[in-house]
């Protein structure tokens, strides 16, 4: 999706729909699969799938304790898929532009700047993980438990050092809050269609399918 405003609206609607009910989660998954943006983004970079490991752990605990694990796992899995699509489909600076457009030059710019710093940190970690995998493959070494601990420590130290440097840079440039962004948004017709479909899914998620079909007759 090229318009980040519509992407944000679609992601919020689909996340609410998936978390609300099982049929909402199924419809949200169909949206994710049929629009092709979700699978294509996931094919480019599959490392965000790591967020499914905590879900797998919680689902296993619910299964062992006799909880309602199937519905929970399905709904949260779709929410994570939608969140992964939002992260991978977003370009640098888009979150800042949307927040400033939505909330203004004060709070909006500050929230957008904080979000952009967090997203850039995630992209930085992605690039570092790719470099580490490349280095391990050149040495012919498998990435086992013994290698994950020092690798994680190095990544954490690099992220903290980078955050400190970014803070010093903002102070040096005299940042004290607020700002402006000259954002230009493109809204293709396809983005409008898929956003309307996402809003329709959110509407259906709050109403049983039988009642929905009665309404459209």
C-alpha atoms as a PDB file:
ATOM      1  CA  UNK A   1       0.000   0.000   0.000  1.00  0.00           C
ATOM      2  CA  UNK A   2       1.380   3.384  -1.012  1.00  0.00           C
ATOM      3  CA  UNK A   3      -0.714   5.623   1.246  1.00  0.00           C
ATOM      4  CA  UNK A   4       0.544   5.157   4.843  1.00  0.00           C
ATOM      5  CA  UNK A   5      -2.631   6.743   6.242  1.00  0.00           C
ATOM      6  CA  UNK A   6      -4.848   4.104   4.644  1.00  0.00           C
ATOM      7  CA  UNK A   7      -2.385   1.390   5.628  1.00  0.00           C
ATOM      8  CA  UNK A   8      -2.632   2.472   9.263  1.00  0.00           C
ATOM      9  CA  UNK A   9      -6.432   2.550   9.098  1.00  0.00           C
ATOM     10  CA  UNK A  10      -6.559  -0.906   7.501  1.00  0.00           C
ATOM     11  CA  UNK A  11      -4.125  -2.376  10.022  1.00  0.00           C
ATOM     12  CA  UNK A  12      -6.084  -1.017  13.000  1.00  0.00           C
ATOM     13  CA  UNK A  13      -9.371  -2.287  11.564  1.00  0.00           C
ATOM     14  CA  UNK A  14      -7.963  -5.750  10.798  1.00  0.00           C
ATOM     15  CA  UNK A  15      -6.262  -6.048  14.191  1.00  0.00           C
ATOM     16  CA  UNK A  16      -9.511  -5.234  15.977  1.00  0.00           C
ATOM     17  CA  UNK A  17     -11.429  -7.655  13.756  1.00  0.00           C
ATOM     18  CA  UNK A  18      -8.923 -10.488  14.286  1.00  0.00           C
ATOM     19  CA  UNK A  19      -8.810 -10.004  18.052  1.00  0.00           C
ATOM     20  CA  UNK A  20     -12.600  -9.723  18.385  1.00  0.00           C
ATOM     21  CA  UNK A  21     -13.740 -13.058  16.948  1.00  0.00           C
ATOM     22  CA  UNK A  22     -12.603 -16.197  15.173  1.00  0.00           C
ATOM     23  CA  UNK A  23     -14.509 -15.412  11.962  1.00  0.00           C
ATOM     24  CA  UNK A  24     -13.004 -11.921  12.061  1.00  0.00           C
ATOM     25  CA  UNK A  25      -9.550 -13.487  12.301  1.00  0.00           C
ATOM     26  CA  UNK A  26     -10.289 -15.791   9.355  1.00  0.00           C
ATOM     27  CA  UNK A  27     -11.509 -12.885   7.215  1.00  0.00           C
ATOM     28  CA  UNK A  28      -8.488 -10.787   8.232  1.00  0.00           C
ATOM     29  CA  UNK A  29      -6.188 -13.641   7.213  1.00  0.00           C
ATOM     30  CA  UNK A  30      -7.950 -13.875   3.841  1.00  0.00           C
ATOM     31  CA  UNK A  31      -7.416 -10.125   3.389  1.00  0.00           C
ATOM     32  CA  UNK A  32      -3.730 -10.564   4.252  1.00  0.00           C
ATOM     33  CA  UNK A  33      -3.382 -13.424   1.758  1.00  0.00           C
ATOM     34  CA  UNK A  34      -5.514 -12.070  -1.099  1.00  0.00           C
ATOM     35  CA  UNK A  35      -4.050  -8.563  -1.227  1.00  0.00           C
ATOM     36  CA  UNK A  36      -0.648 -10.215  -1.824  1.00  0.00           C
ATOM     37  CA  UNK A  37       1.142  -7.411   0.017  1.00  0.00           C
ATOM     38  CA  UNK A  38       1.374  -9.485   3.180  1.00  0.00           C
ATOM     39  CA  UNK A  39       2.877 -12.673   1.654  1.00  0.00           C
ATOM     40  CA  UNK A  40       5.210 -10.675  -0.616  1.00  0.00           C
ATOM     41  CA  UNK A  41       6.573  -8.634   2.307  1.00  0.00           C
ATOM     42  CA  UNK A  42       7.026 -11.774   4.389  1.00  0.00           C
ATOM     43  CA  UNK A  43       8.901 -13.440   1.539  1.00  0.00           C
ATOM     44  CA  UNK A  44      11.368 -10.550   1.408  1.00  0.00           C
ATOM     45  CA  UNK A  45      12.217 -10.796   5.113  1.00  0.00           C
ATOM     46  CA  UNK A  46      11.099 -13.637   7.360  1.00  0.00           C
ATOM     47  CA  UNK A  47      12.939 -12.675  10.538  1.00  0.00           C
ATOM     48  CA  UNK A  48       9.887 -10.876  12.057  1.00  0.00           C
ATOM     49  CA  UNK A  49       8.341 -14.360  12.379  1.00  0.00           C
ATOM     50  CA  UNK A  50      10.386 -14.596  15.586  1.00  0.00           C
ATOM     51  CA  UNK A  51       7.487 -12.831  17.308  1.00  0.00           C
ATOM     52  CA  UNK A  52       5.504 -16.068  16.939  1.00  0.00           C
ATOM     53  CA  UNK A  53       7.734 -17.923  19.417  1.00  0.00           C
ATOM     54  CA  UNK A  54       6.217 -16.205  22.505  1.00  0.00           C
ATOM     55  CA  UNK A  55       2.743 -16.933  21.093  1.00  0.00           C
ATOM     56  CA  UNK A  56       3.698 -20.577  20.629  1.00  0.00           C
ATOM     57  CA  UNK A  57       4.887 -20.749  24.242  1.00  0.00           C
ATOM     58  CA  UNK A  58       1.690 -19.214  25.632  1.00  0.00           C
ATOM     59  CA  UNK A  59      -0.494 -21.439  23.416  1.00  0.00           C
ATOM     60  CA  UNK A  60       1.359 -24.527  24.623  1.00  0.00           C
ATOM     61  CA  UNK A  61       0.853 -23.453  28.234  1.00  0.00           C
ATOM     62  CA  UNK A  62      -2.875 -22.944  27.619  1.00  0.00           C
ATOM     63  CA  UNK A  63      -3.096 -26.373  25.959  1.00  0.00           C
ATOM     64  CA  UNK A  64      -1.413 -28.070  28.924  1.00  0.00           C
ATOM     65  CA  UNK A  65      -3.581 -26.272  31.480  1.00  0.00           C
ATOM     66  CA  UNK A  66      -6.792 -26.929  29.529  1.00  0.00           C
ATOM     67  CA  UNK A  67      -7.391 -23.346  28.475  1.00  0.00           C
ATOM     68  CA  UNK A  68      -9.015 -22.145  25.245  1.00  0.00           C
ATOM     69  CA  UNK A  69      -5.793 -22.288  23.261  1.00  0.00           C
ATOM     70  CA  UNK A  70      -7.149 -22.807  19.722  1.00  0.00           C
ATOM     71  CA  UNK A  71      -9.193 -19.592  19.487  1.00  0.00           C
ATOM     72  CA  UNK A  72      -6.520 -17.568  21.274  1.00  0.00           C
ATOM     73  CA  UNK A  73      -3.722 -18.866  19.055  1.00  0.00           C
ATOM     74  CA  UNK A  74      -5.642 -18.277  15.829  1.00  0.00           C
ATOM     75  CA  UNK A  75      -6.690 -14.734  16.700  1.00  0.00           C
ATOM     76  CA  UNK A  76      -3.286 -13.636  18.019  1.00  0.00           C
ATOM     77  CA  UNK A  77      -1.462 -15.280  15.091  1.00  0.00           C
ATOM     78  CA  UNK A  78      -3.481 -13.220  12.601  1.00  0.00           C
ATOM     79  CA  UNK A  79      -2.907 -10.055  14.653  1.00  0.00           C
ATOM     80  CA  UNK A  80       0.845 -10.733  14.502  1.00  0.00           C
ATOM     81  CA  UNK A  81       0.660 -11.358  10.742  1.00  0.00           C
ATOM     82  CA  UNK A  82      -1.086  -8.024  10.227  1.00  0.00           C
ATOM     83  CA  UNK A  83       1.480  -6.276  12.455  1.00  0.00           C
ATOM     84  CA  UNK A  84       4.314  -7.902  10.496  1.00  0.00           C
ATOM     85  CA  UNK A  85       2.776  -6.657   7.249  1.00  0.00           C
ATOM     86  CA  UNK A  86       2.523  -3.128   8.679  1.00  0.00           C
ATOM     87  CA  UNK A  87       6.185  -3.169   9.704  1.00  0.00           C
ATOM     88  CA  UNK A  88       7.577  -4.627   6.486  1.00  0.00           C
ATOM     89  CA  UNK A  89       5.431  -2.525   4.141  1.00  0.00           C
ATOM     90  CA  UNK A  90       6.327   0.754   5.841  1.00  0.00           C
ATOM     91  CA  UNK A  91       9.042   2.992   4.453  1.00  0.00           C
ATOM     92  CA  UNK A  92      11.377   5.322   6.366  1.00  0.00           C
ATOM     93  CA  UNK A  93       9.707   8.570   7.397  1.00  0.00           C
ATOM     94  CA  UNK A  94       6.125   7.420   6.786  1.00  0.00           C
ATOM     95  CA  UNK A  95       5.251   6.978  10.451  1.00  0.00           C
ATOM     96  CA  UNK A  96       6.523  10.474  11.241  1.00  0.00           C
ATOM     97  CA  UNK A  97       4.504  11.931   8.368  1.00  0.00           C
ATOM     98  CA  UNK A  98       1.293  10.177   9.400  1.00  0.00           C
ATOM     99  CA  UNK A  99       1.606  11.121  13.078  1.00  0.00           C
ATOM    100  CA  UNK A 100       2.305  14.767  12.240  1.00  0.00           C
ATOM    101  CA  UNK A 101      -0.624  14.822   9.798  1.00  0.00           C
ATOM    102  CA  UNK A 102      -2.936  13.184  12.341  1.00  0.00           C
ATOM    103  CA  UNK A 103      -1.919  14.796  15.654  1.00  0.00           C
ATOM    104  CA  UNK A 104      -0.274  18.050  14.615  1.00  0.00           C
ATOM    105  CA  UNK A 105       3.206  19.544  14.816  1.00  0.00           C
ATOM    106  CA  UNK A 106       3.520  19.188  18.580  1.00  0.00           C
ATOM    107  CA  UNK A 107       2.397  15.835  19.957  1.00  0.00           C
ATOM    108  CA  UNK A 108       2.176  14.291  16.501  1.00  0.00           C
ATOM    109  CA  UNK A 109       5.759  15.150  15.573  1.00  0.00           C
ATOM    110  CA  UNK A 110       7.101  13.922  18.930  1.00  0.00           C
ATOM    111  CA  UNK A 111       5.213  10.607  18.701  1.00  0.00           C
ATOM    112  CA  UNK A 112       6.230  10.170  15.090  1.00  0.00           C
ATOM    113  CA  UNK A 113       9.879  10.874  15.852  1.00  0.00           C
ATOM    114  CA  UNK A 114       9.878   8.349  18.707  1.00  0.00           C
ATOM    115  CA  UNK A 115       8.245   5.780  16.448  1.00  0.00           C
ATOM    116  CA  UNK A 116      10.737   6.397  13.644  1.00  0.00           C
ATOM    117  CA  UNK A 117      13.649   5.933  16.050  1.00  0.00           C
ATOM    118  CA  UNK A 118      12.155   2.633  17.256  1.00  0.00           C
ATOM    119  CA  UNK A 119      11.522   1.404  13.704  1.00  0.00           C
ATOM    120  CA  UNK A 120      15.010   2.401  12.583  1.00  0.00           C
ATOM    121  CA  UNK A 121      16.405   0.424  15.533  1.00  0.00           C
ATOM    122  CA  UNK A 122      14.494  -2.657  14.381  1.00  0.00           C
ATOM    123  CA  UNK A 123      15.797  -2.225  10.830  1.00  0.00           C
ATOM    124  CA  UNK A 124      19.293  -1.795  12.232  1.00  0.00           C
ATOM    125  CA  UNK A 125      18.965  -5.060  14.182  1.00  0.00           C
ATOM    126  CA  UNK A 126      17.669  -6.799  11.053  1.00  0.00           C
ATOM    127  CA  UNK A 127      20.720  -5.670   9.110  1.00  0.00           C
ATOM    128  CA  UNK A 128      23.072  -6.739  11.919  1.00  0.00           C
ATOM    129  CA  UNK A 129      21.448 -10.181  12.142  1.00  0.00           C
ATOM    130  CA  UNK A 130      21.867 -10.605   8.386  1.00  0.00           C
ATOM    131  CA  UNK A 131      25.546  -9.682   8.647  1.00  0.00           C
ATOM    132  CA  UNK A 132      26.042 -12.091  11.557  1.00  0.00           C
ATOM    133  CA  UNK A 133      24.437 -14.958   9.632  1.00  0.00           C
ATOM    134  CA  UNK A 134      26.672 -14.172   6.661  1.00  0.00           C
ATOM    135  CA  UNK A 135      29.770 -14.190   8.894  1.00  0.00           C
ATOM    136  CA  UNK A 136      28.800 -17.527  10.460  1.00  0.00           C
ATOM    137  CA  UNK A 137      28.186 -19.041   7.020  1.00  0.00           C
ATOM    138  CA  UNK A 138      31.598 -17.858   5.757  1.00  0.00           C
ATOM    139  CA  UNK A 139      33.261 -19.595   8.694  1.00  0.00           C
ATOM    140  CA  UNK A 140      31.144 -22.701   8.198  1.00  0.00           C
ATOM    141  CA  UNK A 141      29.815 -22.474  11.748  1.00  0.00           C
ATOM    142  CA  UNK A 142      26.218 -23.290  12.683  1.00  0.00           C
ATOM    143  CA  UNK A 143      24.356 -20.737  14.797  1.00  0.00           C
ATOM    144  CA  UNK A 144      23.706 -22.759  17.951  1.00  0.00           C
ATOM    145  CA  UNK A 145      22.922 -21.906  21.555  1.00  0.00           C
ATOM    146  CA  UNK A 146      26.604 -21.204  22.213  1.00  0.00           C
ATOM    147  CA  UNK A 147      26.627 -18.602  19.437  1.00  0.00           C
ATOM    148  CA  UNK A 148      23.276 -16.972  20.165  1.00  0.00           C
ATOM    149  CA  UNK A 149      24.270 -15.660  23.617  1.00  0.00           C
ATOM    150  CA  UNK A 150      27.319 -13.610  22.536  1.00  0.00           C
ATOM    151  CA  UNK A 151      25.525 -12.543  19.368  1.00  0.00           C
ATOM    152  CA  UNK A 152      22.533 -11.263  21.366  1.00  0.00           C
ATOM    153  CA  UNK A 153      24.834  -9.447  23.781  1.00  0.00           C
ATOM    154  CA  UNK A 154      26.617  -7.712  20.920  1.00  0.00           C
ATOM    155  CA  UNK A 155      23.334  -6.714  19.266  1.00  0.00           C
ATOM    156  CA  UNK A 156      21.975  -5.315  22.548  1.00  0.00           C
ATOM    157  CA  UNK A 157      25.134  -3.293  23.154  1.00  0.00           C
ATOM    158  CA  UNK A 158      25.057  -1.947  19.591  1.00  0.00           C
ATOM    159  CA  UNK A 159      21.389  -0.938  19.916  1.00  0.00           C
ATOM    160  CA  UNK A 160      22.001   0.870  23.229  1.00  0.00           C
ATOM    161  CA  UNK A 161      25.061   2.635  21.841  1.00  0.00           C
ATOM    162  CA  UNK A 162      23.123   3.695  18.752  1.00  0.00           C
ATOM    163  CA  UNK A 163      20.247   5.030  20.881  1.00  0.00           C
ATOM    164  CA  UNK A 164      22.706   7.058  22.981  1.00  0.00           C
ATOM    165  CA  UNK A 165      24.310   8.510  19.860  1.00  0.00           C
ATOM    166  CA  UNK A 166      20.901   9.470  18.446  1.00  0.00           C
ATOM    167  CA  UNK A 167      19.985  11.204  21.711  1.00  0.00           C
ATOM    168  CA  UNK A 168      23.247  13.172  21.690  1.00  0.00           C
ATOM    169  CA  UNK A 169      22.616  14.154  18.062  1.00  0.00           C
ATOM    170  CA  UNK A 170      19.128  15.478  18.863  1.00  0.00           C
ATOM    171  CA  UNK A 171      20.497  17.501  21.771  1.00  0.00           C
ATOM    172  CA  UNK A 172      23.322  18.890  19.620  1.00  0.00           C
ATOM    173  CA  UNK A 173      20.804  20.017  17.017  1.00  0.00           C
ATOM    174  CA  UNK A 174      18.741  21.824  19.650  1.00  0.00           C
ATOM    175  CA  UNK A 175      15.661  19.600  19.541  1.00  0.00           C
ATOM    176  CA  UNK A 176      13.269  20.473  22.366  1.00  0.00           C
ATOM    177  CA  UNK A 177       9.941  19.185  21.051  1.00  0.00           C
ATOM    178  CA  UNK A 178       7.632  19.605  18.091  1.00  0.00           C
ATOM    179  CA  UNK A 179       8.412  20.151  14.449  1.00  0.00           C
ATOM    180  CA  UNK A 180       6.973  20.078  10.962  1.00  0.00           C
ATOM    181  CA  UNK A 181       7.059  17.651   8.055  1.00  0.00           C
ATOM    182  CA  UNK A 182       6.271  18.457   4.437  1.00  0.00           C
ATOM    183  CA  UNK A 183       4.565  15.155   3.658  1.00  0.00           C
ATOM    184  CA  UNK A 184       2.961  14.253   0.351  1.00  0.00           C
ATOM    185  CA  UNK A 185       0.687  11.243   0.182  1.00  0.00           C
ATOM    186  CA  UNK A 186      -0.280   9.238  -2.906  1.00  0.00           C
ATOM    187  CA  UNK A 187      -3.627   7.453  -2.764  1.00  0.00           C
ATOM    188  CA  UNK A 188      -4.032   4.868  -5.554  1.00  0.00           C
ATOM    189  CA  UNK A 189      -7.487   3.436  -6.144  1.00  0.00           C
ATOM    190  CA  UNK A 190      -6.257  -0.011  -5.084  1.00  0.00           C
ATOM    191  CA  UNK A 191      -5.390   1.335  -1.624  1.00  0.00           C
ATOM    192  CA  UNK A 192      -8.934   2.642  -1.264  1.00  0.00           C
ATOM    193  CA  UNK A 193     -10.401  -0.729  -2.249  1.00  0.00           C
ATOM    194  CA  UNK A 194      -8.325  -2.792   0.179  1.00  0.00           C
ATOM    195  CA  UNK A 195      -8.988  -0.297   2.986  1.00  0.00           C
ATOM    196  CA  UNK A 196     -12.742  -0.478   2.401  1.00  0.00           C
ATOM    197  CA  UNK A 197     -12.438  -4.275   2.488  1.00  0.00           C
ATOM    198  CA  UNK A 198     -10.592  -4.066   5.825  1.00  0.00           C
ATOM    199  CA  UNK A 199     -13.277  -1.797   7.299  1.00  0.00           C
ATOM    200  CA  UNK A 200     -15.963  -4.199   6.075  1.00  0.00           C
ATOM    201  CA  UNK A 201     -14.169  -7.081   7.804  1.00  0.00           C
ATOM    202  CA  UNK A 202     -14.048  -5.073  11.037  1.00  0.00           C
ATOM    203  CA  UNK A 203     -17.804  -4.429  10.757  1.00  0.00           C
ATOM    204  CA  UNK A 204     -18.547  -8.112  10.153  1.00  0.00           C
ATOM    205  CA  UNK A 205     -16.337  -9.138  13.101  1.00  0.00           C
ATOM    206  CA  UNK A 206     -18.662  -7.351  15.528  1.00  0.00           C
ATOM    207  CA  UNK A 207     -21.756  -8.959  14.032  1.00  0.00           C
ATOM    208  CA  UNK A 208     -22.481 -12.672  13.445  1.00  0.00           C
ATOM    209  CA  UNK A 209     -22.271 -13.663   9.797  1.00  0.00           C
ATOM    210  CA  UNK A 210     -25.926 -14.692   9.729  1.00  0.00           C
ATOM    211  CA  UNK A 211     -27.078 -11.226  10.779  1.00  0.00           C
ATOM    212  CA  UNK A 212     -24.741  -9.638   8.231  1.00  0.00           C
ATOM    213  CA  UNK A 213     -26.209 -11.579   5.347  1.00  0.00           C
ATOM    214  CA  UNK A 214     -29.724 -10.677   6.553  1.00  0.00           C
ATOM    215  CA  UNK A 215     -28.732  -7.001   6.430  1.00  0.00           C
ATOM    216  CA  UNK A 216     -27.452  -7.111   2.859  1.00  0.00           C
ATOM    217  CA  UNK A 217     -30.567  -8.880   1.503  1.00  0.00           C
END
